[in-house]
């Protein structure tokens, strides 16, 4: 009877440990996903601002307009799933 109880206890214990570890890994993935989106939004806004500032001069507009467009694409990618 002791051996059967030991086998059942081990299955329940390891099942619980696996469930907790699985939930922790899902939570870590969710947090990293949100952090990546926030980073993309911030980088996109910075590139848009740099593009606008460069576009204030005529010569800088050659690099400023594409920089702003790329920043807009990164911003949209960070906002939309």
PDB file of N, CA and C in Angstrom:
ATOM      1  N   UNK A   1       0.818  -1.191   0.000  1.00  0.00           N
ATOM      2  CA  UNK A   1       0.000   0.000   0.000  1.00  0.00           C
ATOM      3  C   UNK A   1       0.865   1.260   0.000  1.00  0.00           C
ATOM      4  N   UNK A   2       1.998   1.216   0.694  1.00  0.00           N
ATOM      5  CA  UNK A   2       2.883   2.375   0.750  1.00  0.00           C
ATOM      6  C   UNK A   2       3.473   2.712  -0.608  1.00  0.00           C
ATOM      7  N   UNK A   3       3.780   1.668  -1.377  1.00  0.00           N
ATOM      8  CA  UNK A   3       4.362   1.894  -2.710  1.00  0.00           C
ATOM      9  C   UNK A   3       3.343   2.538  -3.648  1.00  0.00           C
ATOM     10  N   UNK A   4       2.102   2.091  -3.587  1.00  0.00           N
ATOM     11  CA  UNK A   4       1.044   2.665  -4.417  1.00  0.00           C
ATOM     12  C   UNK A   4       0.811   4.130  -4.051  1.00  0.00           C
ATOM     13  N   UNK A   5       0.798   4.410  -2.760  1.00  0.00           N
ATOM     14  CA  UNK A   5       0.624   5.784  -2.299  1.00  0.00           C
ATOM     15  C   UNK A   5       1.784   6.655  -2.774  1.00  0.00           C
ATOM     16  N   UNK A   6       2.987   6.122  -2.761  1.00  0.00           N
ATOM     17  CA  UNK A   6       4.174   6.849  -3.209  1.00  0.00           C
ATOM     18  C   UNK A   6       4.084   7.160  -4.702  1.00  0.00           C
ATOM     19  N   UNK A   7       3.625   6.204  -5.500  1.00  0.00           N
ATOM     20  CA  UNK A   7       3.503   6.398  -6.946  1.00  0.00           C
ATOM     21  C   UNK A   7       2.457   7.473  -7.241  1.00  0.00           C
ATOM     22  N   UNK A   8       1.311   7.397  -6.583  1.00  0.00           N
ATOM     23  CA  UNK A   8       0.250   8.381  -6.804  1.00  0.00           C
ATOM     24  C   UNK A   8       0.714   9.763  -6.359  1.00  0.00           C
ATOM     25  N   UNK A   9       1.370   9.852  -5.211  1.00  0.00           N
ATOM     26  CA  UNK A   9       1.859  11.124  -4.695  1.00  0.00           C
ATOM     27  C   UNK A   9       2.876  11.740  -5.659  1.00  0.00           C
ATOM     28  N   UNK A  10       3.778  10.930  -6.201  1.00  0.00           N
ATOM     29  CA  UNK A  10       4.777  11.437  -7.138  1.00  0.00           C
ATOM     30  C   UNK A  10       4.122  11.968  -8.411  1.00  0.00           C
ATOM     31  N   UNK A  11       3.092  11.267  -8.921  1.00  0.00           N
ATOM     32  CA  UNK A  11       2.409  11.740 -10.126  1.00  0.00           C
ATOM     33  C   UNK A  11       1.700  13.061  -9.863  1.00  0.00           C
ATOM     34  N   UNK A  12       1.033  13.172  -8.732  1.00  0.00           N
ATOM     35  CA  UNK A  12       0.338  14.416  -8.404  1.00  0.00           C
ATOM     36  C   UNK A  12       1.341  15.540  -8.181  1.00  0.00           C
ATOM     37  N   UNK A  13       2.424  15.257  -7.480  1.00  0.00           N
ATOM     38  CA  UNK A  13       3.423  16.276  -7.201  1.00  0.00           C
ATOM     39  C   UNK A  13       4.083  16.767  -8.483  1.00  0.00           C
ATOM     40  N   UNK A  14       4.496  15.846  -9.342  1.00  0.00           N
ATOM     41  CA  UNK A  14       5.163  16.268 -10.577  1.00  0.00           C
ATOM     42  C   UNK A  14       4.185  16.945 -11.528  1.00  0.00           C
ATOM     43  N   UNK A  15       2.951  16.531 -11.521  1.00  0.00           N
ATOM     44  CA  UNK A  15       1.949  17.196 -12.338  1.00  0.00           C
ATOM     45  C   UNK A  15       1.743  18.640 -11.899  1.00  0.00           C
ATOM     46  N   UNK A  16       1.727  18.841 -10.594  1.00  0.00           N
ATOM     47  CA  UNK A  16       1.580  20.205 -10.070  1.00  0.00           C
ATOM     48  C   UNK A  16       2.798  21.059 -10.390  1.00  0.00           C
ATOM     49  N   UNK A  17       3.974  20.484 -10.258  1.00  0.00           N
ATOM     50  CA  UNK A  17       5.211  21.222 -10.558  1.00  0.00           C
ATOM     51  C   UNK A  17       5.249  21.604 -12.034  1.00  0.00           C
ATOM     52  N   UNK A  18       4.888  20.675 -12.907  1.00  0.00           N
ATOM     53  CA  UNK A  18       4.866  20.965 -14.338  1.00  0.00           C
ATOM     54  C   UNK A  18       3.861  22.067 -14.655  1.00  0.00           C
ATOM     55  N   UNK A  19       2.702  22.041 -14.010  1.00  0.00           N
ATOM     56  CA  UNK A  19       1.687  23.060 -14.255  1.00  0.00           C
ATOM     57  C   UNK A  19       2.177  24.439 -13.815  1.00  0.00           C
ATOM     58  N   UNK A  20       2.808  24.508 -12.660  1.00  0.00           N
ATOM     59  CA  UNK A  20       3.311  25.794 -12.163  1.00  0.00           C
ATOM     60  C   UNK A  20       4.416  26.319 -13.066  1.00  0.00           C
ATOM     61  N   UNK A  21       5.332  25.453 -13.476  1.00  0.00           N
ATOM     62  CA  UNK A  21       6.418  25.883 -14.365  1.00  0.00           C
ATOM     63  C   UNK A  21       5.857  26.335 -15.705  1.00  0.00           C
ATOM     64  N   UNK A  22       4.863  25.628 -16.225  1.00  0.00           N
ATOM     65  CA  UNK A  22       4.231  26.017 -17.485  1.00  0.00           C
ATOM     66  C   UNK A  22       3.579  27.385 -17.394  1.00  0.00           C
ATOM     67  N   UNK A  23       2.873  27.640 -16.300  1.00  0.00           N
ATOM     68  CA  UNK A  23       2.247  28.948 -16.115  1.00  0.00           C
ATOM     69  C   UNK A  23       3.283  30.064 -15.986  1.00  0.00           C
ATOM     70  N   UNK A  24       4.377  29.787 -15.287  1.00  0.00           N
ATOM     71  CA  UNK A  24       5.431  30.800 -15.154  1.00  0.00           C
ATOM     72  C   UNK A  24       6.072  31.113 -16.497  1.00  0.00           C
ATOM     73  N   UNK A  25       6.268  30.098 -17.327  1.00  0.00           N
ATOM     74  CA  UNK A  25       6.847  30.329 -18.657  1.00  0.00           C
ATOM     75  C   UNK A  25       5.895  31.113 -19.556  1.00  0.00           C
ATOM     76  N   UNK A  26       4.596  30.836 -19.459  1.00  0.00           N
ATOM     77  CA  UNK A  26       3.614  31.605 -20.226  1.00  0.00           C
ATOM     78  C   UNK A  26       3.599  33.069 -19.772  1.00  0.00           C
ATOM     79  N   UNK A  27       3.698  33.290 -18.467  1.00  0.00           N
ATOM     80  CA  UNK A  27       3.731  34.652 -17.941  1.00  0.00           C
ATOM     81  C   UNK A  27       4.979  35.387 -18.415  1.00  0.00           C
ATOM     82  N   UNK A  28       6.114  34.712 -18.412  1.00  0.00           N
ATOM     83  CA  UNK A  28       7.353  35.334 -18.891  1.00  0.00           C
ATOM     84  C   UNK A  28       7.255  35.681 -20.372  1.00  0.00           C
ATOM     85  N   UNK A  29       6.659  34.804 -21.164  1.00  0.00           N
ATOM     86  CA  UNK A  29       6.468  35.095 -22.582  1.00  0.00           C
ATOM     87  C   UNK A  29       5.563  36.284 -22.807  1.00  0.00           C
ATOM     88  N   UNK A  30       4.504  36.395 -22.013  1.00  0.00           N
ATOM     89  CA  UNK A  30       3.588  37.526 -22.125  1.00  0.00           C
ATOM     90  C   UNK A  30       4.291  38.832 -21.768  1.00  0.00           C
ATOM     91  N   UNK A  31       5.065  38.829 -20.698  1.00  0.00           N
ATOM     92  CA  UNK A  31       5.781  40.034 -20.273  1.00  0.00           C
ATOM     93  C   UNK A  31       6.793  40.459 -21.338  1.00  0.00           C
ATOM     94  N   UNK A  32       7.516  39.512 -21.909  1.00  0.00           N
ATOM     95  CA  UNK A  32       8.485  39.843 -22.956  1.00  0.00           C
ATOM     96  C   UNK A  32       7.788  40.360 -24.211  1.00  0.00           C
ATOM     97  N   UNK A  33       6.626  39.829 -24.511  1.00  0.00           N
ATOM     98  CA  UNK A  33       5.869  40.305 -25.666  1.00  0.00           C
ATOM     99  C   UNK A  33       5.448  41.762 -25.473  1.00  0.00           C
ATOM    100  N   UNK A  34       4.948  42.085 -24.299  1.00  0.00           N
ATOM    101  CA  UNK A  34       4.539  43.464 -24.012  1.00  0.00           C
ATOM    102  C   UNK A  34       5.747  44.395 -24.029  1.00  0.00           C
ATOM    103  N   UNK A  35       6.863  43.947 -23.461  1.00  0.00           N
ATOM    104  CA  UNK A  35       8.070  44.784 -23.450  1.00  0.00           C
ATOM    105  C   UNK A  35       8.565  45.040 -24.875  1.00  0.00           C
ATOM    106  N   UNK A  36       8.469  44.053 -25.739  1.00  0.00           N
ATOM    107  CA  UNK A  36       8.874  44.237 -27.134  1.00  0.00           C
ATOM    108  C   UNK A  36       7.988  45.230 -27.856  1.00  0.00           C
ATOM    109  N   UNK A  37       6.691  45.175 -27.583  1.00  0.00           N
ATOM    110  CA  UNK A  37       5.774  46.133 -28.205  1.00  0.00           C
ATOM    111  C   UNK A  37       6.063  47.554 -27.730  1.00  0.00           C
ATOM    112  N   UNK A  38       6.287  47.718 -26.449  1.00  0.00           N
ATOM    113  CA  UNK A  38       6.577  49.057 -25.912  1.00  0.00           C
ATOM    114  C   UNK A  38       7.879  49.586 -26.501  1.00  0.00           C
ATOM    115  N   UNK A  39       8.883  48.725 -26.616  1.00  0.00           N
ATOM    116  CA  UNK A  39      10.157  49.147 -27.209  1.00  0.00           C
ATOM    117  C   UNK A  39       9.964  49.559 -28.664  1.00  0.00           C
ATOM    118  N   UNK A  40       9.154  48.823 -29.421  1.00  0.00           N
ATOM    119  CA  UNK A  40       8.907  49.172 -30.822  1.00  0.00           C
ATOM    120  C   UNK A  40       8.183  50.509 -30.928  1.00  0.00           C
ATOM    121  N   UNK A  41       7.237  50.752 -30.050  1.00  0.00           N
ATOM    122  CA  UNK A  41       6.507  52.024 -30.072  1.00  0.00           C
ATOM    123  C   UNK A  41       7.442  53.188 -29.759  1.00  0.00           C
ATOM    124  N   UNK A  42       8.292  53.014 -28.754  1.00  0.00           N
ATOM    125  CA  UNK A  42       9.224  54.093 -28.379  1.00  0.00           C
ATOM    126  C   UNK A  42      10.220  54.355 -29.504  1.00  0.00           C
ATOM    127  N   UNK A  43      10.778  53.310 -30.085  1.00  0.00           N
ATOM    128  CA  UNK A  43      11.739  53.484 -31.185  1.00  0.00           C
ATOM    129  C   UNK A  43      11.062  54.143 -32.378  1.00  0.00           C
ATOM    130  N   UNK A  44       9.828  53.743 -32.684  1.00  0.00           N
ATOM    131  CA  UNK A  44       9.098  54.352 -33.787  1.00  0.00           C
ATOM    132  C   UNK A  44       8.873  55.839 -33.569  1.00  0.00           C
ATOM    133  N   UNK A  45       8.479  56.212 -32.363  1.00  0.00           N
ATOM    134  CA  UNK A  45       8.265  57.634 -32.061  1.00  0.00           C
ATOM    135  C   UNK A  45       9.557  58.436 -32.146  1.00  0.00           C
ATOM    136  N   UNK A  46      10.653  57.848 -31.685  1.00  0.00           N
ATOM    137  CA  UNK A  46      11.947  58.538 -31.757  1.00  0.00           C
ATOM    138  C   UNK A  46      12.362  58.743 -33.212  1.00  0.00           C
ATOM    139  N   UNK A  47      12.169  57.727 -34.047  1.00  0.00           N
ATOM    140  CA  UNK A  47      12.530  57.864 -35.461  1.00  0.00           C
ATOM    141  C   UNK A  47      11.642  58.889 -36.177  1.00  0.00           C
ATOM    142  N   UNK A  48      10.362  58.930 -35.828  1.00  0.00           N
ATOM    143  CA  UNK A  48       9.481  59.930 -36.425  1.00  0.00           C
ATOM    144  C   UNK A  48       9.923  61.331 -36.024  1.00  0.00           C
ATOM    145  N   UNK A  49      10.239  61.523 -34.743  1.00  0.00           N
ATOM    146  CA  UNK A  49      10.689  62.830 -34.277  1.00  0.00           C
ATOM    147  C   UNK A  49      11.997  63.228 -34.953  1.00  0.00           C
ATOM    148  N   UNK A  50      12.927  62.291 -35.095  1.00  0.00           N
ATOM    149  CA  UNK A  50      14.193  62.595 -35.765  1.00  0.00           C
ATOM    150  C   UNK A  50      13.953  62.926 -37.232  1.00  0.00           C
ATOM    151  N   UNK A  51      13.028  62.224 -37.868  1.00  0.00           N
ATOM    152  CA  UNK A  51      12.709  62.507 -39.260  1.00  0.00           C
ATOM    153  C   UNK A  51      12.109  63.893 -39.436  1.00  0.00           C
ATOM    154  N   UNK A  52      11.241  64.277 -38.514  1.00  0.00           N
ATOM    155  CA  UNK A  52      10.641  65.616 -38.578  1.00  0.00           C
ATOM    156  C   UNK A  52      11.703  66.690 -38.375  1.00  0.00           C
ATOM    157  N   UNK A  53      12.575  66.482 -37.403  1.00  0.00           N
ATOM    158  CA  UNK A  53      13.636  67.469 -37.150  1.00  0.00           C
ATOM    159  C   UNK A  53      14.594  67.585 -38.337  1.00  0.00           C
ATOM    160  N   UNK A  54      14.918  66.473 -38.954  1.00  0.00           N
ATOM    161  CA  UNK A  54      15.796  66.523 -40.127  1.00  0.00           C
ATOM    162  C   UNK A  54      15.107  67.172 -41.317  1.00  0.00           C
ATOM    163  N   UNK A  55      13.797  67.018 -41.404  1.00  0.00           N
ATOM    164  CA  UNK A  55      13.061  67.566 -42.541  1.00  0.00           C
ATOM    165  C   UNK A  55      12.905  69.085 -42.455  1.00  0.00           C
ATOM    166  N   UNK A  56      13.241  69.678 -41.347  1.00  0.00           N
ATOM    167  CA  UNK A  56      13.142  71.130 -41.226  1.00  0.00           C
ATOM    168  C   UNK A  56      14.155  71.831 -42.117  1.00  0.00           C
ATOM    169  N   UNK A  57      15.238  71.158 -42.432  1.00  0.00           N
ATOM    170  CA  UNK A  57      16.206  71.718 -43.369  1.00  0.00           C
ATOM    171  C   UNK A  57      16.002  71.047 -44.727  1.00  0.00           C
ATOM    172  N   UNK A  58      16.313  71.751 -45.778  1.00  0.00           N
ATOM    173  CA  UNK A  58      16.082  71.217 -47.124  1.00  0.00           C
ATOM    174  C   UNK A  58      16.996  70.025 -47.394  1.00  0.00           C
ATOM    175  N   UNK A  59      18.249  70.134 -47.017  1.00  0.00           N
ATOM    176  CA  UNK A  59      19.194  69.037 -47.266  1.00  0.00           C
ATOM    177  C   UNK A  59      18.880  67.837 -46.367  1.00  0.00           C
ATOM    178  N   UNK A  60      18.436  68.097 -45.156  1.00  0.00           N
ATOM    179  CA  UNK A  60      18.107  67.006 -44.239  1.00  0.00           C
ATOM    180  C   UNK A  60      16.849  66.267 -44.616  1.00  0.00           C
ATOM    181  N   UNK A  61      16.029  66.872 -45.480  1.00  0.00           N
ATOM    182  CA  UNK A  61      14.778  66.221 -45.879  1.00  0.00           C
ATOM    183  C   UNK A  61      15.041  64.953 -46.676  1.00  0.00           C
ATOM    184  N   UNK A  62      16.196  64.885 -47.311  1.00  0.00           N
ATOM    185  CA  UNK A  62      16.535  63.683 -48.084  1.00  0.00           C
ATOM    186  C   UNK A  62      16.615  62.466 -47.161  1.00  0.00           C
ATOM    187  N   UNK A  63      17.123  62.660 -45.974  1.00  0.00           N
ATOM    188  CA  UNK A  63      17.205  61.558 -45.010  1.00  0.00           C
ATOM    189  C   UNK A  63      16.032  61.581 -44.026  1.00  0.00           C
ATOM    190  N   UNK A  64      15.445  62.743 -43.798  1.00  0.00           N
ATOM    191  CA  UNK A  64      14.394  62.869 -42.786  1.00  0.00           C
ATOM    192  C   UNK A  64      13.088  62.221 -43.174  1.00  0.00           C
ATOM    193  N   UNK A  65      12.693  62.362 -44.423  1.00  0.00           N
ATOM    194  CA  UNK A  65      11.415  61.788 -44.854  1.00  0.00           C
ATOM    195  C   UNK A  65      11.443  60.251 -44.780  1.00  0.00           C
ATOM    196  N   UNK A  66      12.453  59.582 -45.342  1.00  0.00           N
ATOM    197  CA  UNK A  66      12.483  58.115 -45.191  1.00  0.00           C
ATOM    198  C   UNK A  66      12.594  57.666 -43.734  1.00  0.00           C
ATOM    199  N   UNK A  67      13.319  58.434 -42.926  1.00  0.00           N
ATOM    200  CA  UNK A  67      13.449  58.090 -41.511  1.00  0.00           C
ATOM    201  C   UNK A  67      12.099  58.167 -40.813  1.00  0.00           C
ATOM    202  N   UNK A  68      11.327  59.194 -41.117  1.00  0.00           N
ATOM    203  CA  UNK A  68       9.997  59.317 -40.536  1.00  0.00           C
ATOM    204  C   UNK A  68       9.055  58.215 -41.001  1.00  0.00           C
ATOM    205  N   UNK A  69       9.164  57.842 -42.276  1.00  0.00           N
ATOM    206  CA  UNK A  69       8.313  56.769 -42.805  1.00  0.00           C
ATOM    207  C   UNK A  69       8.655  55.439 -42.140  1.00  0.00           C
ATOM    208  N   UNK A  70       9.938  55.151 -42.008  1.00  0.00           N
ATOM    209  CA  UNK A  70      10.357  53.911 -41.335  1.00  0.00           C
ATOM    210  C   UNK A  70       9.906  53.910 -39.878  1.00  0.00           C
ATOM    211  N   UNK A  71      10.028  55.065 -39.220  1.00  0.00           N
ATOM    212  CA  UNK A  71       9.537  55.174 -37.844  1.00  0.00           C
ATOM    213  C   UNK A  71       8.047  54.931 -37.752  1.00  0.00           C
ATOM    214  N   UNK A  72       7.293  55.415 -38.747  1.00  0.00           N
ATOM    215  CA  UNK A  72       5.850  55.173 -38.765  1.00  0.00           C
ATOM    216  C   UNK A  72       5.523  53.702 -38.928  1.00  0.00           C
ATOM    217  N   UNK A  73       6.263  53.025 -39.796  1.00  0.00           N
ATOM    218  CA  UNK A  73       6.036  51.585 -39.971  1.00  0.00           C
ATOM    219  C   UNK A  73       6.334  50.814 -38.683  1.00  0.00           C
ATOM    220  N   UNK A  74       7.412  51.174 -38.014  1.00  0.00           N
ATOM    221  CA  UNK A  74       7.764  50.494 -36.754  1.00  0.00           C
ATOM    222  C   UNK A  74       6.709  50.786 -35.681  1.00  0.00           C
ATOM    223  N   UNK A  75       6.220  52.017 -35.637  1.00  0.00           N
ATOM    224  CA  UNK A  75       5.181  52.388 -34.680  1.00  0.00           C
ATOM    225  C   UNK A  75       3.908  51.585 -34.924  1.00  0.00           C
ATOM    226  N   UNK A  76       3.495  51.467 -36.162  1.00  0.00           N
ATOM    227  CA  UNK A  76       2.288  50.704 -36.496  1.00  0.00           C
ATOM    228  C   UNK A  76       2.470  49.232 -36.148  1.00  0.00           C
ATOM    229  N   UNK A  77       3.643  48.691 -36.407  1.00  0.00           N
ATOM    230  CA  UNK A  77       3.921  47.293 -36.076  1.00  0.00           C
ATOM    231  C   UNK A  77       3.875  47.063 -34.559  1.00  0.00           C
ATOM    232  N   UNK A  78       4.313  48.060 -33.799  1.00  0.00           N
ATOM    233  CA  UNK A  78       4.257  47.923 -32.345  1.00  0.00           C
ATOM    234  C   UNK A  78       2.852  48.031 -31.791  1.00  0.00           C
ATOM    235  N   UNK A  79       1.991  48.812 -32.450  1.00  0.00           N
ATOM    236  CA  UNK A  79       0.638  49.005 -31.959  1.00  0.00           C
ATOM    237  C   UNK A  79      -0.271  47.848 -32.357  1.00  0.00           C
ATOM    238  N   UNK A  80      -0.204  47.451 -33.631  1.00  0.00           N
ATOM    239  CA  UNK A  80      -1.079  46.385 -34.108  1.00  0.00           C
ATOM    240  C   UNK A  80      -0.491  45.010 -33.812  1.00  0.00           C
ATOM    241  N   UNK A  81      -1.351  44.010 -33.595  1.00  0.00           N
ATOM    242  CA  UNK A  81      -0.831  42.658 -33.303  1.00  0.00           C
ATOM    243  C   UNK A  81      -0.239  41.978 -34.508  1.00  0.00           C
TER     244      UNK A  81
END
